[in-house]
Amino acid sequence: VQLQASGGGLVQAGGSLRLSCAVSGLTFSAYHMGWFRQAPGKERVFVAGVSVRVNFTSYGDFVKGRFTISRDNAKNMVYLQMNSLKPEDTAVYYCGADRTNVWTPHYWGQGTQVTVSS
């Protein structure tokens, strides 16, 4: 199983980034998907999640309408569109997959760095 996150980078505050996660080695349409992030010295936290049939999405409280998670079951991809980025959004972002929920992934990707400058 591989989850390959990409799309991170350096962006100014107020800017946007779109993260992508390519998934292989499992039946993608059977897995709930989530994005998480870990800032230096802090615990990994839930950012956003989407259910297998895209009929349920969930977001961390700090997102407040700025981020949108989506998935393409035909391409085995999950995305995180991040707008109005803030310096406190700086972190390594990880995608995760699980058969039962979006909050506790069984499989993890390697992470992609997002840095937001003020």
PDB file of N, CA and C in Angstrom:
ATOM      1  N   VAL A   1       0.843  -1.182   0.000  1.00  0.00           N
ATOM      2  CA  VAL A   1       0.000   0.000   0.000  1.00  0.00           C
ATOM      3  C   VAL A   1       0.885   1.241   0.000  1.00  0.00           C
ATOM      4  N   GLN A   2       0.553   2.178  -0.891  1.00  0.00           N
ATOM      5  CA  GLN A   2       1.304   3.437  -0.937  1.00  0.00           C
ATOM      6  C   GLN A   2       0.352   4.614  -1.004  1.00  0.00           C
ATOM      7  N   LEU A   3       0.653   5.612  -0.201  1.00  0.00           N
ATOM      8  CA  LEU A   3      -0.039   6.881  -0.249  1.00  0.00           C
ATOM      9  C   LEU A   3       1.022   7.938  -0.487  1.00  0.00           C
ATOM     10  N   GLN A   4       0.956   8.594  -1.618  1.00  0.00           N
ATOM     11  CA  GLN A   4       1.990   9.546  -2.015  1.00  0.00           C
ATOM     12  C   GLN A   4       1.406  10.954  -2.021  1.00  0.00           C
ATOM     13  N   ALA A   5       1.762  11.731  -1.004  1.00  0.00           N
ATOM     14  CA  ALA A   5       1.274  13.113  -0.911  1.00  0.00           C
ATOM     15  C   ALA A   5       2.202  14.051  -1.672  1.00  0.00           C
ATOM     16  N   SER A   6       1.615  15.051  -2.281  1.00  0.00           N
ATOM     17  CA  SER A   6       2.388  16.040  -3.019  1.00  0.00           C
ATOM     18  C   SER A   6       1.636  17.363  -3.036  1.00  0.00           C
ATOM     19  N   GLY A   7       2.310  18.391  -3.538  1.00  0.00           N
ATOM     20  CA  GLY A   7       1.668  19.689  -3.688  1.00  0.00           C
ATOM     21  C   GLY A   7       2.033  20.713  -2.640  1.00  0.00           C
ATOM     22  N   GLY A   8       2.810  20.322  -1.648  1.00  0.00           N
ATOM     23  CA  GLY A   8       3.233  21.274  -0.643  1.00  0.00           C
ATOM     24  C   GLY A   8       4.234  22.271  -1.205  1.00  0.00           C
ATOM     25  N   GLY A   9       4.548  23.269  -0.399  1.00  0.00           N
ATOM     26  CA  GLY A   9       5.502  24.271  -0.833  1.00  0.00           C
ATOM     27  C   GLY A   9       5.462  25.484   0.062  1.00  0.00           C
ATOM     28  N   LEU A  10       6.101  26.540  -0.410  1.00  0.00           N
ATOM     29  CA  LEU A  10       6.156  27.809   0.317  1.00  0.00           C
ATOM     30  C   LEU A  10       5.167  28.777  -0.319  1.00  0.00           C
ATOM     31  N   VAL A  11       4.318  29.364   0.512  1.00  0.00           N
ATOM     32  CA  VAL A  11       3.316  30.302   0.025  1.00  0.00           C
ATOM     33  C   VAL A  11       3.175  31.437   1.023  1.00  0.00           C
ATOM     34  N   GLN A  12       2.823  32.592   0.539  1.00  0.00           N
ATOM     35  CA  GLN A  12       2.599  33.730   1.422  1.00  0.00           C
ATOM     36  C   GLN A  12       1.237  33.629   2.089  1.00  0.00           C
ATOM     37  N   ALA A  13       1.116  34.238   3.230  1.00  0.00           N
ATOM     38  CA  ALA A  13      -0.163  34.284   3.939  1.00  0.00           C
ATOM     39  C   ALA A  13      -1.242  34.842   3.019  1.00  0.00           C
ATOM     40  N   GLY A  14      -2.405  34.204   3.061  1.00  0.00           N
ATOM     41  CA  GLY A  14      -3.492  34.576   2.181  1.00  0.00           C
ATOM     42  C   GLY A  14      -3.520  33.809   0.877  1.00  0.00           C
ATOM     43  N   GLY A  15      -2.465  33.080   0.601  1.00  0.00           N
ATOM     44  CA  GLY A  15      -2.372  32.324  -0.638  1.00  0.00           C
ATOM     45  C   GLY A  15      -3.072  30.983  -0.561  1.00  0.00           C
ATOM     46  N   SER A  16      -2.922  30.203  -1.623  1.00  0.00           N
ATOM     47  CA  SER A  16      -3.593  28.913  -1.744  1.00  0.00           C
ATOM     48  C   SER A  16      -2.611  27.831  -2.176  1.00  0.00           C
ATOM     49  N   LEU A  17      -2.930  26.621  -1.785  1.00  0.00           N
ATOM     50  CA  LEU A  17      -2.222  25.429  -2.247  1.00  0.00           C
ATOM     51  C   LEU A  17      -3.228  24.303  -2.417  1.00  0.00           C
ATOM     52  N   ARG A  18      -2.926  23.406  -3.319  1.00  0.00           N
ATOM     53  CA  ARG A  18      -3.743  22.205  -3.484  1.00  0.00           C
ATOM     54  C   ARG A  18      -2.862  20.990  -3.274  1.00  0.00           C
ATOM     55  N   LEU A  19      -3.157  20.245  -2.237  1.00  0.00           N
ATOM     56  CA  LEU A  19      -2.432  19.017  -1.966  1.00  0.00           C
ATOM     57  C   LEU A  19      -3.124  17.846  -2.668  1.00  0.00           C
ATOM     58  N   SER A  20      -2.315  16.905  -3.105  1.00  0.00           N
ATOM     59  CA  SER A  20      -2.829  15.698  -3.733  1.00  0.00           C
ATOM     60  C   SER A  20      -2.253  14.480  -3.030  1.00  0.00           C
ATOM     61  N   CYS A  21      -3.010  13.411  -3.036  1.00  0.00           N
ATOM     62  CA  CYS A  21      -2.533  12.145  -2.477  1.00  0.00           C
ATOM     63  C   CYS A  21      -2.922  11.034  -3.437  1.00  0.00           C
ATOM     64  N   ALA A  22      -1.917  10.399  -4.005  1.00  0.00           N
ATOM     65  CA  ALA A  22      -2.133   9.280  -4.907  1.00  0.00           C
ATOM     66  C   ALA A  22      -2.050   7.984  -4.120  1.00  0.00           C
ATOM     67  N   VAL A  23      -3.057   7.145  -4.265  1.00  0.00           N
ATOM     68  CA  VAL A  23      -3.162   5.915  -3.474  1.00  0.00           C
ATOM     69  C   VAL A  23      -3.085   4.705  -4.378  1.00  0.00           C
ATOM     70  N   SER A  24      -2.300   3.718  -3.955  1.00  0.00           N
ATOM     71  CA  SER A  24      -2.209   2.470  -4.702  1.00  0.00           C
ATOM     72  C   SER A  24      -2.080   1.312  -3.722  1.00  0.00           C
ATOM     73  N   GLY A  25      -2.394   0.122  -4.228  1.00  0.00           N
ATOM     74  CA  GLY A  25      -2.225  -1.073  -3.413  1.00  0.00           C
ATOM     75  C   GLY A  25      -3.416  -1.447  -2.552  1.00  0.00           C
ATOM     76  N   LEU A  26      -4.516  -0.716  -2.671  1.00  0.00           N
ATOM     77  CA  LEU A  26      -5.740  -1.063  -1.965  1.00  0.00           C
ATOM     78  C   LEU A  26      -6.932  -0.656  -2.827  1.00  0.00           C
ATOM     79  N   THR A  27      -8.107  -1.130  -2.426  1.00  0.00           N
ATOM     80  CA  THR A  27      -9.326  -0.779  -3.149  1.00  0.00           C
ATOM     81  C   THR A  27      -9.763   0.606  -2.676  1.00  0.00           C
ATOM     82  N   PHE A  28      -9.309   1.623  -3.409  1.00  0.00           N
ATOM     83  CA  PHE A  28      -9.454   3.001  -2.962  1.00  0.00           C
ATOM     84  C   PHE A  28     -10.902   3.345  -2.616  1.00  0.00           C
ATOM     85  N   SER A  29     -11.835   2.885  -3.428  1.00  0.00           N
ATOM     86  CA  SER A  29     -13.241   3.257  -3.231  1.00  0.00           C
ATOM     87  C   SER A  29     -13.819   2.682  -1.946  1.00  0.00           C
ATOM     88  N   ALA A  30     -13.098   1.764  -1.306  1.00  0.00           N
ATOM     89  CA  ALA A  30     -13.579   1.167  -0.064  1.00  0.00           C
ATOM     90  C   ALA A  30     -13.001   1.824   1.185  1.00  0.00           C
ATOM     91  N   TYR A  31     -12.183   2.854   0.984  1.00  0.00           N
ATOM     92  CA  TYR A  31     -11.482   3.482   2.099  1.00  0.00           C
ATOM     93  C   TYR A  31     -11.915   4.926   2.296  1.00  0.00           C
ATOM     94  N   HIS A  32     -12.174   5.240   3.550  1.00  0.00           N
ATOM     95  CA  HIS A  32     -12.345   6.629   3.939  1.00  0.00           C
ATOM     96  C   HIS A  32     -10.971   7.285   3.943  1.00  0.00           C
ATOM     97  N   MET A  33     -10.937   8.554   3.545  1.00  0.00           N
ATOM     98  CA  MET A  33      -9.660   9.244   3.408  1.00  0.00           C
ATOM     99  C   MET A  33      -9.615  10.487   4.277  1.00  0.00           C
ATOM    100  N   GLY A  34      -8.426  10.783   4.778  1.00  0.00           N
ATOM    101  CA  GLY A  34      -8.278  11.958   5.614  1.00  0.00           C
ATOM    102  C   GLY A  34      -6.953  12.647   5.381  1.00  0.00           C
ATOM    103  N   TRP A  35      -6.928  13.935   5.730  1.00  0.00           N
ATOM    104  CA  TRP A  35      -5.701  14.726   5.762  1.00  0.00           C
ATOM    105  C   TRP A  35      -5.427  15.117   7.212  1.00  0.00           C
ATOM    106  N   PHE A  36      -4.162  15.069   7.557  1.00  0.00           N
ATOM    107  CA  PHE A  36      -3.719  15.408   8.898  1.00  0.00           C
ATOM    108  C   PHE A  36      -2.494  16.302   8.762  1.00  0.00           C
ATOM    109  N   ARG A  37      -2.146  16.978   9.852  1.00  0.00           N
ATOM    110  CA  ARG A  37      -0.936  17.789   9.794  1.00  0.00           C
ATOM    111  C   ARG A  37      -0.209  17.749  11.129  1.00  0.00           C
ATOM    112  N   GLN A  38       1.080  17.958  11.035  1.00  0.00           N
ATOM    113  CA  GLN A  38       1.913  17.973  12.238  1.00  0.00           C
ATOM    114  C   GLN A  38       2.895  19.125  12.133  1.00  0.00           C
ATOM    115  N   ALA A  39       2.757  20.064  13.049  1.00  0.00           N
ATOM    116  CA  ALA A  39       3.675  21.191  13.124  1.00  0.00           C
ATOM    117  C   ALA A  39       4.856  20.811  14.014  1.00  0.00           C
ATOM    118  N   PRO A  40       5.983  21.480  13.875  1.00  0.00           N
ATOM    119  CA  PRO A  40       7.158  21.148  14.691  1.00  0.00           C
ATOM    120  C   PRO A  40       6.848  21.219  16.180  1.00  0.00           C
ATOM    121  N   GLY A  41       7.177  20.151  16.886  1.00  0.00           N
ATOM    122  CA  GLY A  41       6.973  20.110  18.319  1.00  0.00           C
ATOM    123  C   GLY A  41       5.550  19.874  18.765  1.00  0.00           C
ATOM    124  N   LYS A  42       4.663  19.614  17.817  1.00  0.00           N
ATOM    125  CA  LYS A  42       3.251  19.402  18.161  1.00  0.00           C
ATOM    126  C   LYS A  42       2.783  18.037  17.680  1.00  0.00           C
ATOM    127  N   GLU A  43       1.634  17.618  18.189  1.00  0.00           N
ATOM    128  CA  GLU A  43       1.064  16.333  17.784  1.00  0.00           C
ATOM    129  C   GLU A  43       0.408  16.445  16.402  1.00  0.00           C
ATOM    130  N   ARG A  44       0.299  15.318  15.764  1.00  0.00           N
ATOM    131  CA  ARG A  44      -0.415  15.261  14.502  1.00  0.00           C
ATOM    132  C   ARG A  44      -1.906  15.441  14.764  1.00  0.00           C
ATOM    133  N   VAL A  45      -2.562  16.291  13.979  1.00  0.00           N
ATOM    134  CA  VAL A  45      -3.978  16.568  14.188  1.00  0.00           C
ATOM    135  C   VAL A  45      -4.770  16.371  12.902  1.00  0.00           C
ATOM    136  N   PHE A  46      -6.025  16.103  13.070  1.00  0.00           N
ATOM    137  CA  PHE A  46      -6.943  15.895  11.962  1.00  0.00           C
ATOM    138  C   PHE A  46      -7.238  17.229  11.274  1.00  0.00           C
ATOM    139  N   VAL A  47      -7.191  17.235   9.947  1.00  0.00           N
ATOM    140  CA  VAL A  47      -7.499  18.432   9.173  1.00  0.00           C
ATOM    141  C   VAL A  47      -8.839  18.290   8.452  1.00  0.00           C
ATOM    142  N   ALA A  48      -8.988  17.188   7.715  1.00  0.00           N
ATOM    143  CA  ALA A  48     -10.205  17.001   6.922  1.00  0.00           C
ATOM    144  C   ALA A  48     -10.341  15.540   6.559  1.00  0.00           C
ATOM    145  N   GLY A  49     -11.572  15.096   6.346  1.00  0.00           N
ATOM    146  CA  GLY A  49     -11.818  13.728   5.951  1.00  0.00           C
ATOM    147  C   GLY A  49     -13.014  13.629   5.018  1.00  0.00           C
ATOM    148  N   VAL A  50     -13.010  12.603   4.180  1.00  0.00           N
ATOM    149  CA  VAL A  50     -14.101  12.369   3.234  1.00  0.00           C
ATOM    150  C   VAL A  50     -14.412  10.877   3.221  1.00  0.00           C
ATOM    151  N   SER A  51     -15.692  10.561   3.233  1.00  0.00           N
ATOM    152  CA  SER A  51     -16.120   9.166   3.260  1.00  0.00           C
ATOM    153  C   SER A  51     -15.997   8.532   1.882  1.00  0.00           C
ATOM    154  N   VAL A  52     -16.213   7.233   1.821  1.00  0.00           N
ATOM    155  CA  VAL A  52     -16.004   6.483   0.582  1.00  0.00           C
ATOM    156  C   VAL A  52     -16.901   6.968  -0.543  1.00  0.00           C
ATOM    157  N   ARG A  53     -18.142   7.338  -0.208  1.00  0.00           N
ATOM    158  CA  ARG A  53     -19.085   7.754  -1.248  1.00  0.00           C
ATOM    159  C   ARG A  53     -19.237   9.268  -1.321  1.00  0.00           C
ATOM    160  N   VAL A  54     -18.328   9.980  -0.677  1.00  0.00           N
ATOM    161  CA  VAL A  54     -18.304  11.450  -0.712  1.00  0.00           C
ATOM    162  C   VAL A  54     -19.607  12.033  -0.181  1.00  0.00           C
ATOM    163  N   ASN A  55     -20.333  11.288   0.633  1.00  0.00           N
ATOM    164  CA  ASN A  55     -21.556  11.838   1.210  1.00  0.00           C
ATOM    165  C   ASN A  55     -21.336  12.359   2.612  1.00  0.00           C
ATOM    166  N   PHE A  56     -20.100  12.310   3.073  1.00  0.00           N
ATOM    167  CA  PHE A  56     -19.754  12.811   4.398  1.00  0.00           C
ATOM    168  C   PHE A  56     -18.377  13.427   4.349  1.00  0.00           C
ATOM    169  N   THR A  57     -18.281  14.649   4.842  1.00  0.00           N
ATOM    170  CA  THR A  57     -16.984  15.290   5.018  1.00  0.00           C
ATOM    171  C   THR A  57     -16.903  15.850   6.430  1.00  0.00           C
ATOM    172  N   SER A  58     -15.689  15.951   6.920  1.00  0.00           N
ATOM    173  CA  SER A  58     -15.464  16.472   8.260  1.00  0.00           C
ATOM    174  C   SER A  58     -14.205  17.320   8.238  1.00  0.00           C
ATOM    175  N   TYR A  59     -14.203  18.366   9.049  1.00  0.00           N
ATOM    176  CA  TYR A  59     -13.068  19.284   9.080  1.00  0.00           C
ATOM    177  C   TYR A  59     -12.695  19.628  10.510  1.00  0.00           C
ATOM    178  N   GLY A  60     -11.412  19.876  10.717  1.00  0.00           N
ATOM    179  CA  GLY A  60     -10.965  20.379  11.990  1.00  0.00           C
ATOM    180  C   GLY A  60     -11.526  21.778  12.238  1.00  0.00           C
ATOM    181  N   ASP A  61     -11.718  22.124  13.490  1.00  0.00           N
ATOM    182  CA  ASP A  61     -12.325  23.410  13.824  1.00  0.00           C
ATOM    183  C   ASP A  61     -11.534  24.588  13.266  1.00  0.00           C
ATOM    184  N   PHE A  62     -10.229  24.436  13.177  1.00  0.00           N
ATOM    185  CA  PHE A  62      -9.388  25.545  12.747  1.00  0.00           C
ATOM    186  C   PHE A  62      -9.504  25.821  11.244  1.00  0.00           C
ATOM    187  N   VAL A  63     -10.123  24.894  10.506  1.00  0.00           N
ATOM    188  CA  VAL A  63     -10.240  25.075   9.057  1.00  0.00           C
ATOM    189  C   VAL A  63     -11.188  26.229   8.744  1.00  0.00           C
ATOM    190  N   LYS A  64     -12.351  26.240   9.392  1.00  0.00           N
ATOM    191  CA  LYS A  64     -13.312  27.344   9.308  1.00  0.00           C
ATOM    192  C   LYS A  64     -13.613  27.772   7.882  1.00  0.00           C
ATOM    193  N   GLY A  65     -13.912  26.792   7.015  1.00  0.00           N
ATOM    194  CA  GLY A  65     -14.329  27.092   5.668  1.00  0.00           C
ATOM    195  C   GLY A  65     -13.221  27.417   4.691  1.00  0.00           C
ATOM    196  N   ARG A  66     -11.980  27.344   5.116  1.00  0.00           N
ATOM    197  CA  ARG A  66     -10.874  27.695   4.238  1.00  0.00           C
ATOM    198  C   ARG A  66     -10.397  26.527   3.370  1.00  0.00           C
ATOM    199  N   PHE A  67     -10.594  25.301   3.844  1.00  0.00           N
ATOM    200  CA  PHE A  67     -10.097  24.123   3.141  1.00  0.00           C
ATOM    201  C   PHE A  67     -11.264  23.300   2.609  1.00  0.00           C
ATOM    202  N   THR A  68     -11.020  22.583   1.516  1.00  0.00           N
ATOM    203  CA  THR A  68     -12.010  21.678   0.952  1.00  0.00           C
ATOM    204  C   THR A  68     -11.341  20.367   0.580  1.00  0.00           C
ATOM    205  N   ILE A  69     -11.885  19.279   1.089  1.00  0.00           N
ATOM    206  CA  ILE A  69     -11.370  17.953   0.736  1.00  0.00           C
ATOM    207  C   ILE A  69     -12.247  17.363  -0.354  1.00  0.00           C
ATOM    208  N   SER A  70     -11.624  16.640  -1.268  1.00  0.00           N
ATOM    209  CA  SER A  70     -12.366  15.962  -2.322  1.00  0.00           C
ATOM    210  C   SER A  70     -11.621  14.695  -2.693  1.00  0.00           C
ATOM    211  N   ARG A  71     -12.302  13.834  -3.424  1.00  0.00           N
ATOM    212  CA  ARG A  71     -11.688  12.592  -3.877  1.00  0.00           C
ATOM    213  C   ARG A  71     -12.187  12.239  -5.252  1.00  0.00           C
ATOM    214  N   ASP A  72     -11.364  11.518  -5.982  1.00  0.00           N
ATOM    215  CA  ASP A  72     -11.719  11.016  -7.306  1.00  0.00           C
ATOM    216  C   ASP A  72     -11.493   9.517  -7.266  1.00  0.00           C
ATOM    217  N   ASN A  73     -12.567   8.764  -7.114  1.00  0.00           N
ATOM    218  CA  ASN A  73     -12.430   7.314  -6.991  1.00  0.00           C
ATOM    219  C   ASN A  73     -11.949   6.666  -8.290  1.00  0.00           C
ATOM    220  N   ALA A  74     -12.165   7.316  -9.408  1.00  0.00           N
ATOM    221  CA  ALA A  74     -11.703   6.775 -10.685  1.00  0.00           C
ATOM    222  C   ALA A  74     -10.188   6.892 -10.821  1.00  0.00           C
ATOM    223  N   LYS A  75      -9.604   7.890 -10.165  1.00  0.00           N
ATOM    224  CA  LYS A  75      -8.157   8.130 -10.273  1.00  0.00           C
ATOM    225  C   LYS A  75      -7.399   7.719  -9.017  1.00  0.00           C
ATOM    226  N   ASN A  76      -8.104   7.229  -7.995  1.00  0.00           N
ATOM    227  CA  ASN A  76      -7.465   6.861  -6.721  1.00  0.00           C
ATOM    228  C   ASN A  76      -6.726   8.052  -6.114  1.00  0.00           C
ATOM    229  N   MET A  77      -7.385   9.194  -6.113  1.00  0.00           N
ATOM    230  CA  MET A  77      -6.765  10.425  -5.640  1.00  0.00           C
ATOM    231  C   MET A  77      -7.653  11.097  -4.604  1.00  0.00           C
ATOM    232  N   VAL A  78      -7.004  11.731  -3.653  1.00  0.00           N
ATOM    233  CA  VAL A  78      -7.706  12.598  -2.717  1.00  0.00           C
ATOM    234  C   VAL A  78      -6.969  13.930  -2.705  1.00  0.00           C
ATOM    235  N   TYR A  79      -7.730  15.005  -2.564  1.00  0.00           N
ATOM    236  CA  TYR A  79      -7.175  16.348  -2.666  1.00  0.00           C
ATOM    237  C   TYR A  79      -7.549  17.185  -1.446  1.00  0.00           C
ATOM    238  N   LEU A  80      -6.739  18.179  -1.192  1.00  0.00           N
ATOM    239  CA  LEU A  80      -7.053  19.161  -0.164  1.00  0.00           C
ATOM    240  C   LEU A  80      -6.764  20.543  -0.743  1.00  0.00           C
ATOM    241  N   GLN A  81      -7.820  21.269  -1.049  1.00  0.00           N
ATOM    242  CA  GLN A  81      -7.678  22.642  -1.517  1.00  0.00           C
ATOM    243  C   GLN A  81      -7.626  23.549  -0.288  1.00  0.00           C
ATOM    244  N   MET A  82      -6.542  24.290  -0.170  1.00  0.00           N
ATOM    245  CA  MET A  82      -6.345  25.154   0.998  1.00  0.00           C
ATOM    246  C   MET A  82      -6.281  26.606   0.540  1.00  0.00           C
ATOM    247  N   ASN A  83      -7.204  27.402   1.010  1.00  0.00           N
ATOM    248  CA  ASN A  83      -7.265  28.825   0.680  1.00  0.00           C
ATOM    249  C   ASN A  83      -7.059  29.658   1.935  1.00  0.00           C
ATOM    250  N   SER A  84      -6.780  30.921   1.728  1.00  0.00           N
ATOM    251  CA  SER A  84      -6.597  31.857   2.851  1.00  0.00           C
ATOM    252  C   SER A  84      -5.621  31.303   3.889  1.00  0.00           C
ATOM    253  N   LEU A  85      -4.507  30.828   3.417  1.00  0.00           N
ATOM    254  CA  LEU A  85      -3.544  30.188   4.310  1.00  0.00           C
ATOM    255  C   LEU A  85      -2.950  31.179   5.296  1.00  0.00           C
ATOM    256  N   LYS A  86      -2.670  30.671   6.475  1.00  0.00           N
ATOM    257  CA  LYS A  86      -2.111  31.468   7.562  1.00  0.00           C
ATOM    258  C   LYS A  86      -0.774  30.871   7.982  1.00  0.00           C
ATOM    259  N   PRO A  87       0.087  31.671   8.593  1.00  0.00           N
ATOM    260  CA  PRO A  87       1.367  31.115   9.061  1.00  0.00           C
ATOM    261  C   PRO A  87       1.183  29.914   9.992  1.00  0.00           C
ATOM    262  N   GLU A  88       0.110  29.901  10.761  1.00  0.00           N
ATOM    263  CA  GLU A  88      -0.125  28.773  11.671  1.00  0.00           C
ATOM    264  C   GLU A  88      -0.544  27.500  10.951  1.00  0.00           C
ATOM    265  N   ASP A  89      -0.772  27.570   9.661  1.00  0.00           N
ATOM    266  CA  ASP A  89      -1.040  26.369   8.870  1.00  0.00           C
ATOM    267  C   ASP A  89       0.258  25.653   8.473  1.00  0.00           C
ATOM    268  N   THR A  90       1.383  26.246   8.777  1.00  0.00           N
ATOM    269  CA  THR A  90       2.667  25.632   8.471  1.00  0.00           C
ATOM    270  C   THR A  90       2.812  24.302   9.199  1.00  0.00           C
ATOM    271  N   ALA A  91       3.056  23.242   8.430  1.00  0.00           N
ATOM    272  CA  ALA A  91       3.142  21.897   9.000  1.00  0.00           C
ATOM    273  C   ALA A  91       3.490  20.920   7.885  1.00  0.00           C
ATOM    274  N   VAL A  92       3.774  19.702   8.280  1.00  0.00           N
ATOM    275  CA  VAL A  92       3.836  18.603   7.331  1.00  0.00           C
ATOM    276  C   VAL A  92       2.438  18.005   7.252  1.00  0.00           C
ATOM    277  N   TYR A  93       1.940  17.880   6.047  1.00  0.00           N
ATOM    278  CA  TYR A  93       0.586  17.373   5.831  1.00  0.00           C
ATOM    279  C   TYR A  93       0.652  15.929   5.341  1.00  0.00           C
ATOM    280  N   TYR A  94      -0.155  15.090   5.958  1.00  0.00           N
ATOM    281  CA  TYR A  94      -0.187  13.662   5.654  1.00  0.00           C
ATOM    282  C   TYR A  94      -1.582  13.256   5.205  1.00  0.00           C
ATOM    283  N   CYS A  95      -1.639  12.314   4.271  1.00  0.00           N
ATOM    284  CA  CYS A  95      -2.921  11.705   3.955  1.00  0.00           C
ATOM    285  C   CYS A  95      -2.977  10.329   4.604  1.00  0.00           C
ATOM    286  N   GLY A  96      -4.198   9.891   4.904  1.00  0.00           N
ATOM    287  CA  GLY A  96      -4.395   8.613   5.563  1.00  0.00           C
ATOM    288  C   GLY A  96      -5.624   7.916   5.023  1.00  0.00           C
ATOM    289  N   ALA A  97      -5.648   6.606   5.159  1.00  0.00           N
ATOM    290  CA  ALA A  97      -6.749   5.787   4.655  1.00  0.00           C
ATOM    291  C   ALA A  97      -7.181   4.768   5.692  1.00  0.00           C
ATOM    292  N   ASP A  98      -8.489   4.559   5.780  1.00  0.00           N
ATOM    293  CA  ASP A  98      -9.018   3.581   6.732  1.00  0.00           C
ATOM    294  C   ASP A  98     -10.342   3.034   6.236  1.00  0.00           C
ATOM    295  N   ARG A  99     -10.616   1.785   6.577  1.00  0.00           N
ATOM    296  CA  ARG A  99     -11.871   1.159   6.142  1.00  0.00           C
ATOM    297  C   ARG A  99     -13.073   1.620   6.951  1.00  0.00           C
ATOM    298  N   THR A 100     -12.839   2.129   8.184  1.00  0.00           N
ATOM    299  CA  THR A 100     -13.983   2.353   9.065  1.00  0.00           C
ATOM    300  C   THR A 100     -14.304   3.828   9.343  1.00  0.00           C
ATOM    301  N   ASN A 101     -13.331   4.699   9.270  1.00  0.00           N
ATOM    302  CA  ASN A 101     -13.606   6.110   9.552  1.00  0.00           C
ATOM    303  C   ASN A 101     -12.507   6.996   8.978  1.00  0.00           C
ATOM    304  N   VAL A 102     -12.724   8.320   9.050  1.00  0.00           N
ATOM    305  CA  VAL A 102     -11.756   9.264   8.478  1.00  0.00           C
ATOM    306  C   VAL A 102     -10.747   9.758   9.499  1.00  0.00           C
ATOM    307  N   TRP A 103     -10.951   9.442  10.789  1.00  0.00           N
ATOM    308  CA  TRP A 103     -10.153  10.079  11.843  1.00  0.00           C
ATOM    309  C   TRP A 103      -8.966   9.237  12.315  1.00  0.00           C
ATOM    310  N   THR A 104      -8.980   7.933  12.103  1.00  0.00           N
ATOM    311  CA  THR A 104      -7.897   7.071  12.598  1.00  0.00           C
ATOM    312  C   THR A 104      -7.398   6.167  11.478  1.00  0.00           C
ATOM    313  N   PRO A 105      -6.590   6.712  10.601  1.00  0.00           N
ATOM    314  CA  PRO A 105      -6.128   5.937   9.450  1.00  0.00           C
ATOM    315  C   PRO A 105      -5.298   4.716   9.825  1.00  0.00           C
ATOM    316  N   HIS A 106      -5.488   3.692   9.060  1.00  0.00           N
ATOM    317  CA  HIS A 106      -4.645   2.494   9.192  1.00  0.00           C
ATOM    318  C   HIS A 106      -3.380   2.670   8.356  1.00  0.00           C
ATOM    319  N   TYR A 107      -3.522   3.324   7.216  1.00  0.00           N
ATOM    320  CA  TYR A 107      -2.398   3.561   6.318  1.00  0.00           C
ATOM    321  C   TYR A 107      -2.098   5.054   6.256  1.00  0.00           C
ATOM    322  N   TRP A 108      -0.795   5.371   6.202  1.00  0.00           N
ATOM    323  CA  TRP A 108      -0.349   6.754   6.144  1.00  0.00           C
ATOM    324  C   TRP A 108       0.558   6.987   4.955  1.00  0.00           C
ATOM    325  N   GLY A 109       0.500   8.192   4.417  1.00  0.00           N
ATOM    326  CA  GLY A 109       1.462   8.628   3.419  1.00  0.00           C
ATOM    327  C   GLY A 109       2.677   9.230   4.090  1.00  0.00           C
ATOM    328  N   GLN A 110       3.631   9.682   3.272  1.00  0.00           N
ATOM    329  CA  GLN A 110       4.906  10.136   3.794  1.00  0.00           C
ATOM    330  C   GLN A 110       4.917  11.614   4.177  1.00  0.00           C
ATOM    331  N   GLY A 111       3.932  12.378   3.781  1.00  0.00           N
ATOM    332  CA  GLY A 111       3.850  13.774   4.162  1.00  0.00           C
ATOM    333  C   GLY A 111       4.424  14.721   3.129  1.00  0.00           C
ATOM    334  N   THR A 112       3.866  15.923   3.106  1.00  0.00           N
ATOM    335  CA  THR A 112       4.367  16.985   2.239  1.00  0.00           C
ATOM    336  C   THR A 112       4.393  18.279   3.059  1.00  0.00           C
ATOM    337  N   GLN A 113       5.484  19.023   2.938  1.00  0.00           N
ATOM    338  CA  GLN A 113       5.693  20.210   3.759  1.00  0.00           C
ATOM    339  C   GLN A 113       4.939  21.399   3.187  1.00  0.00           C
ATOM    340  N   VAL A 114       4.196  22.073   4.051  1.00  0.00           N
ATOM    341  CA  VAL A 114       3.541  23.330   3.703  1.00  0.00           C
ATOM    342  C   VAL A 114       4.102  24.411   4.616  1.00  0.00           C
ATOM    343  N   THR A 115       4.627  25.462   4.019  1.00  0.00           N
ATOM    344  CA  THR A 115       5.171  26.579   4.782  1.00  0.00           C
ATOM    345  C   THR A 115       4.488  27.854   4.334  1.00  0.00           C
ATOM    346  N   VAL A 116       3.897  28.550   5.284  1.00  0.00           N
ATOM    347  CA  VAL A 116       3.188  29.792   4.990  1.00  0.00           C
ATOM    348  C   VAL A 116       3.953  30.935   5.642  1.00  0.00           C
ATOM    349  N   SER A 117       4.416  31.851   4.832  1.00  0.00           N
ATOM    350  CA  SER A 117       5.184  32.984   5.347  1.00  0.00           C
ATOM    351  C   SER A 117       4.262  34.175   5.611  1.00  0.00           C
ATOM    352  N   SER A 118       4.641  34.949   6.598  1.00  0.00           N
ATOM    353  CA  SER A 118       3.809  36.104   6.973  1.00  0.00           C
ATOM    354  C   SER A 118       4.185  37.349   6.192  1.00  0.00           C
TER     355      SER A 118
END
